[in-house]
């Protein structure tokens, strides 16, 4: 059982950390959200949240969206493994749409797990091919 906090080790904080996830170019989209992801070597997931003023003009709305996303991550972080995830809000959502957003987050989580398994499998294949090439030399 995990704790109820959201410690700093689970957060993407620096611009370089966000940039590395965006430059990895792996993403999945939903109606409200876009998730960008990248495997990390830390053994635990980290979350970054992007809610722009263009998406939600009022700070109250942006902060609500961030709270919902942080809570989802806190409850589901064991399922993510060693991934850096940046969630970008594409469309404003309010409390009346909470259950729709939760359903979308669950669907995105399932797709994210499948996609990250493929990426990790591909990286494992590349590592074994590289070691075989070195052994052949």
Protein backbone atom coordinates (compact mmCIF):
# COMPACT_ATOMS: atom_id res chain seq x y z
CA UNK A 1 0.00 0.00 0.00
CA UNK A 2 1.36 3.37 -0.95
CA UNK A 3 1.13 6.53 1.10
CA UNK A 4 -1.27 9.34 0.46
CA UNK A 5 1.30 12.02 -0.24
CA UNK A 6 2.78 13.25 -3.50
CA UNK A 7 6.50 13.53 -2.75
CA UNK A 8 8.93 15.42 -4.96
CA UNK A 9 10.55 12.31 -6.38
CA UNK A 10 7.34 11.68 -8.34
CA UNK A 11 7.35 15.10 -10.01
CA UNK A 12 8.98 16.36 -13.17
CA UNK A 13 10.30 19.76 -12.17
CA UNK A 14 12.98 20.98 -14.54
CA UNK A 15 12.57 22.19 -18.09
CA UNK A 16 15.09 19.62 -19.30
CA UNK A 17 13.01 16.80 -17.79
CA UNK A 18 9.90 18.01 -19.62
CA UNK A 19 11.88 18.54 -22.84
CA UNK A 20 13.30 15.02 -22.78
CA UNK A 21 9.80 13.56 -22.54
CA UNK A 22 8.49 15.76 -25.36
CA UNK A 23 11.49 15.02 -27.57
CA UNK A 24 11.03 11.24 -27.13
CA UNK A 25 7.91 11.72 -29.29
CA UNK A 26 5.72 9.01 -27.81
CA UNK A 27 2.20 10.20 -27.09
CA UNK A 28 -1.41 9.15 -26.86
CA UNK A 29 -4.44 11.39 -27.18
CA UNK A 30 -7.94 11.58 -25.76
CA UNK A 31 -10.70 14.16 -26.05
CA UNK A 32 -9.54 16.17 -23.04
CA UNK A 33 -5.90 15.13 -22.56
CA UNK A 34 -2.69 14.21 -24.31
CA UNK A 35 -0.11 12.01 -22.56
CA UNK A 36 3.54 12.08 -23.51
CA UNK A 37 5.73 9.36 -22.04
CA UNK A 38 9.29 8.17 -21.86
CA UNK A 39 10.87 5.26 -19.97
CA UNK A 40 13.18 6.23 -17.11
CA UNK A 41 15.74 4.26 -15.15
CA UNK A 42 14.47 5.29 -11.72
CA UNK A 43 12.09 2.39 -11.16
CA UNK A 44 9.19 4.68 -10.30
CA UNK A 45 7.03 7.00 -12.41
CA UNK A 46 7.19 10.78 -12.47
CA UNK A 47 4.46 13.19 -13.52
CA UNK A 48 4.51 16.55 -15.23
CA UNK A 49 1.33 18.53 -15.87
CA UNK A 50 0.84 21.23 -18.50
CA UNK A 51 -2.34 23.34 -18.44
CA UNK A 52 -1.94 26.47 -20.52
CA UNK A 53 -3.79 29.76 -20.27
CA UNK A 54 -5.02 29.13 -23.78
CA UNK A 55 -6.76 25.98 -22.55
CA UNK A 56 -8.25 27.44 -19.37
CA UNK A 57 -8.20 31.20 -18.94
CA UNK A 58 -8.96 31.32 -15.22
CA UNK A 59 -6.37 30.15 -12.68
CA UNK A 60 -9.12 28.46 -10.65
CA UNK A 61 -9.94 26.20 -13.60
CA UNK A 62 -6.27 25.41 -14.32
CA UNK A 63 -5.64 24.55 -10.67
CA UNK A 64 -8.72 22.29 -10.54
CA UNK A 65 -7.50 20.42 -13.62
CA UNK A 66 -4.05 19.98 -12.06
CA UNK A 67 -5.56 18.66 -8.81
CA UNK A 68 -7.63 16.08 -10.67
CA UNK A 69 -4.60 14.90 -12.66
CA UNK A 70 -2.33 14.72 -9.61
CA UNK A 71 -4.92 12.69 -7.70
CA UNK A 72 -5.32 10.27 -10.61
CA UNK A 73 -1.55 9.83 -10.77
CA UNK A 74 -1.26 9.33 -7.02
CA UNK A 75 -3.85 6.56 -7.10
CA UNK A 76 -2.42 4.83 -10.20
CA UNK A 77 1.34 5.31 -9.93
CA UNK A 78 2.05 1.63 -9.15
CA UNK A 79 0.56 0.72 -12.54
CA UNK A 80 2.89 3.01 -14.47
CA UNK A 81 6.24 1.42 -13.64
CA UNK A 82 9.34 3.39 -14.62
CA UNK A 83 7.87 6.06 -16.87
CA UNK A 84 8.10 9.81 -17.06
CA UNK A 85 4.63 11.04 -18.03
CA UNK A 86 3.63 14.56 -19.06
CA UNK A 87 -0.11 15.14 -19.20
CA UNK A 88 -1.18 18.12 -21.30
CA UNK A 89 -4.75 19.38 -21.07
CA UNK A 90 -6.15 19.98 -24.56
CA UNK A 91 -9.65 21.00 -23.53
CA UNK A 92 -11.02 22.58 -20.37
CA UNK A 93 -12.94 20.28 -18.06
CA UNK A 94 -15.01 21.26 -15.05
CA UNK A 95 -16.58 19.36 -12.18
CA UNK A 96 -19.63 18.41 -14.22
CA UNK A 97 -17.31 16.47 -16.57
CA UNK A 98 -15.30 14.80 -13.81
CA UNK A 99 -16.52 11.25 -14.52
CA UNK A 100 -15.90 11.61 -18.25
CA UNK A 101 -12.34 12.72 -17.54
CA UNK A 102 -11.81 9.86 -15.06
CA UNK A 103 -13.02 7.39 -17.70
CA UNK A 104 -10.71 8.92 -20.28
CA UNK A 105 -7.78 8.73 -17.86
CA UNK A 106 -8.48 5.02 -17.31
CA UNK A 107 -8.57 4.40 -21.06
CA UNK A 108 -5.35 6.37 -21.54
CA UNK A 109 -3.72 4.40 -18.71
CA UNK A 110 -4.58 1.11 -20.42
CA UNK A 111 -3.22 2.36 -23.75
CA UNK A 112 -0.15 3.77 -22.00
CA UNK A 113 0.63 0.43 -20.38
CA UNK A 114 0.39 -1.35 -23.73
CA UNK A 115 2.48 1.25 -25.54
CA UNK A 116 5.18 1.42 -22.86
CA UNK A 117 5.48 -2.38 -22.89
CA UNK A 118 6.16 -2.21 -26.63
CA UNK A 119 8.76 0.54 -26.19
CA UNK A 120 10.54 -1.34 -23.41
CA UNK A 121 10.50 -4.53 -25.48
CA UNK A 122 11.98 -2.66 -28.44
CA UNK A 123 14.72 -1.17 -26.24
CA UNK A 124 15.53 -4.61 -24.83
CA UNK A 125 15.84 -5.98 -28.37
CA UNK A 126 18.19 -3.14 -29.33
CA UNK A 127 20.36 -3.82 -26.29
CA UNK A 128 20.62 -7.53 -27.09
CA UNK A 129 21.38 -6.76 -30.75
CA UNK A 130 24.12 -4.36 -29.64
CA UNK A 131 25.70 -6.94 -27.35
CA UNK A 132 25.56 -9.56 -30.09
CA UNK A 133 27.25 -7.19 -32.51
CA UNK A 134 29.98 -6.53 -29.93
CA UNK A 135 30.47 -10.25 -29.35
CA UNK A 136 30.80 -10.87 -33.09
CA UNK A 137 33.65 -8.35 -33.33
